[in-house]
Amino acid sequence: MPIYEYLCEDCGTKFEKLVRRASQASEVECPSCGQNHLRQELSTFAAHANGSSKAEDAPVCPSGQCSNPGMCGMNFN
């Protein structure tokens, strides 16, 4: 079941809605104003890992001059 993101064109409210069937997508209403003048937005996602997020665990550029390892040619694939 996909979660869709919408923007209400009447009041500007952004919200997400779990849509169980494609036929329900046309029945979605804004939770703030109750209108159905909605624009479906592109969804983004966030990934979270269960592990260490300490800076000292990140790869370090051998020259010590780069803040982004990919910039100095290091490949971590």
C-alpha atoms as a PDB file:
ATOM      1  CA  MET A   1       0.000   0.000   0.000  1.00  0.00           C
ATOM      2  CA  PRO A   2       1.655   3.210  -1.096  1.00  0.00           C
ATOM      3  CA  ILE A   3       1.824   6.398   0.917  1.00  0.00           C
ATOM      4  CA  TYR A   4       1.288   9.430  -1.287  1.00  0.00           C
ATOM      5  CA  GLU A   5       2.306  13.001  -0.534  1.00  0.00           C
ATOM      6  CA  TYR A   6      -0.118  15.762  -1.469  1.00  0.00           C
ATOM      7  CA  LEU A   7      -0.152  19.546  -1.560  1.00  0.00           C
ATOM      8  CA  CYS A   8      -3.523  21.266  -1.165  1.00  0.00           C
ATOM      9  CA  GLU A   9      -3.844  23.940  -3.835  1.00  0.00           C
ATOM     10  CA  ASP A  10      -6.472  25.777  -1.759  1.00  0.00           C
ATOM     11  CA  CYS A  11      -4.743  26.186   1.612  1.00  0.00           C
ATOM     12  CA  GLY A  12      -1.151  25.062   0.939  1.00  0.00           C
ATOM     13  CA  THR A  13      -1.154  22.198   3.446  1.00  0.00           C
ATOM     14  CA  LYS A  14       1.265  19.353   2.748  1.00  0.00           C
ATOM     15  CA  PHE A  15       0.246  15.921   3.980  1.00  0.00           C
ATOM     16  CA  GLU A  16       0.702  12.191   3.433  1.00  0.00           C
ATOM     17  CA  LYS A  17      -2.055   9.687   2.843  1.00  0.00           C
ATOM     18  CA  LEU A  18      -1.995   5.887   2.818  1.00  0.00           C
ATOM     19  CA  VAL A  19      -3.989   4.843  -0.247  1.00  0.00           C
ATOM     20  CA  ARG A  20      -5.159   1.239  -0.157  1.00  0.00           C
ATOM     21  CA  ARG A  21      -6.592   1.110  -3.696  1.00  0.00           C
ATOM     22  CA  ALA A  22      -5.949   3.230  -6.783  1.00  0.00           C
ATOM     23  CA  SER A  23      -9.652   4.148  -6.840  1.00  0.00           C
ATOM     24  CA  GLN A  24      -9.261   5.841  -3.431  1.00  0.00           C
ATOM     25  CA  ALA A  25      -6.677   8.310  -4.775  1.00  0.00           C
ATOM     26  CA  SER A  26      -9.431  10.452  -6.300  1.00  0.00           C
ATOM     27  CA  GLU A  27     -11.320  10.521  -2.974  1.00  0.00           C
ATOM     28  CA  VAL A  28      -8.498  12.111  -0.922  1.00  0.00           C
ATOM     29  CA  GLU A  29      -9.361  15.386   0.848  1.00  0.00           C
ATOM     30  CA  CYS A  30      -7.163  17.919   2.596  1.00  0.00           C
ATOM     31  CA  PRO A  31      -7.183  17.308   6.374  1.00  0.00           C
ATOM     32  CA  SER A  32      -7.048  21.082   7.028  1.00  0.00           C
ATOM     33  CA  CYS A  33      -9.717  22.526   4.748  1.00  0.00           C
ATOM     34  CA  GLY A  34     -11.565  19.447   3.423  1.00  0.00           C
ATOM     35  CA  GLN A  35     -11.108  20.371  -0.250  1.00  0.00           C
ATOM     36  CA  ASN A  36      -9.942  17.960  -2.923  1.00  0.00           C
ATOM     37  CA  HIS A  37      -7.977  20.375  -5.107  1.00  0.00           C
ATOM     38  CA  LEU A  38      -4.744  18.462  -4.506  1.00  0.00           C
ATOM     39  CA  ARG A  39      -1.488  18.033  -6.330  1.00  0.00           C
ATOM     40  CA  GLN A  40       0.406  14.803  -5.806  1.00  0.00           C
ATOM     41  CA  GLU A  41       3.993  15.573  -4.835  1.00  0.00           C
ATOM     42  CA  LEU A  42       7.130  13.581  -5.529  1.00  0.00           C
ATOM     43  CA  SER A  43       7.966  11.504  -2.498  1.00  0.00           C
ATOM     44  CA  THR A  44      11.388  11.231  -0.966  1.00  0.00           C
ATOM     45  CA  PHE A  45      12.581   8.679   1.496  1.00  0.00           C
ATOM     46  CA  ALA A  46      15.034   8.569   4.341  1.00  0.00           C
ATOM     47  CA  ALA A  47      17.217   5.591   5.126  1.00  0.00           C
ATOM     48  CA  HIS A  48      18.342   4.831   8.634  1.00  0.00           C
ATOM     49  CA  ALA A  49      20.959   2.247   9.540  1.00  0.00           C
ATOM     50  CA  ASN A  50      21.334   0.488  12.842  1.00  0.00           C
ATOM     51  CA  GLY A  51      24.963   1.081  13.514  1.00  0.00           C
ATOM     52  CA  SER A  52      27.560   3.564  14.483  1.00  0.00           C
ATOM     53  CA  SER A  53      27.175   7.056  13.113  1.00  0.00           C
ATOM     54  CA  LYS A  54      30.293   8.481  14.699  1.00  0.00           C
ATOM     55  CA  ALA A  55      32.456  10.717  12.522  1.00  0.00           C
ATOM     56  CA  GLU A  56      35.604   8.817  13.533  1.00  0.00           C
ATOM     57  CA  ASP A  57      34.165   5.653  11.922  1.00  0.00           C
ATOM     58  CA  ALA A  58      33.888   7.336   8.502  1.00  0.00           C
ATOM     59  CA  PRO A  59      36.601   6.860   5.861  1.00  0.00           C
ATOM     60  CA  VAL A  60      39.335   9.483   5.928  1.00  0.00           C
ATOM     61  CA  CYS A  61      41.079  11.025   2.935  1.00  0.00           C
ATOM     62  CA  PRO A  62      44.725   9.881   2.924  1.00  0.00           C
ATOM     63  CA  SER A  63      45.982  13.377   2.119  1.00  0.00           C
ATOM     64  CA  GLY A  64      43.937  14.844   4.977  1.00  0.00           C
ATOM     65  CA  GLN A  65      42.955  17.762   2.758  1.00  0.00           C
ATOM     66  CA  CYS A  66      39.538  16.632   1.468  1.00  0.00           C
ATOM     67  CA  SER A  67      36.281  16.857   3.360  1.00  0.00           C
ATOM     68  CA  ASN A  68      34.604  14.474   0.885  1.00  0.00           C
ATOM     69  CA  PRO A  69      36.468  11.179   0.196  1.00  0.00           C
ATOM     70  CA  GLY A  70      34.945  10.953  -3.296  1.00  0.00           C
ATOM     71  CA  MET A  71      36.604  14.245  -4.202  1.00  0.00           C
ATOM     72  CA  CYS A  72      40.156  12.895  -3.798  1.00  0.00           C
ATOM     73  CA  GLY A  73      39.564   9.794  -5.894  1.00  0.00           C
ATOM     74  CA  MET A  74      38.935   7.312  -3.106  1.00  0.00           C
ATOM     75  CA  ASN A  75      36.429   4.674  -4.191  1.00  0.00           C
ATOM     76  CA  PHE A  76      34.394   2.835  -1.576  1.00  0.00           C
ATOM     77  CA  ASN A  77      32.294   0.626  -3.898  1.00  0.00           C
END
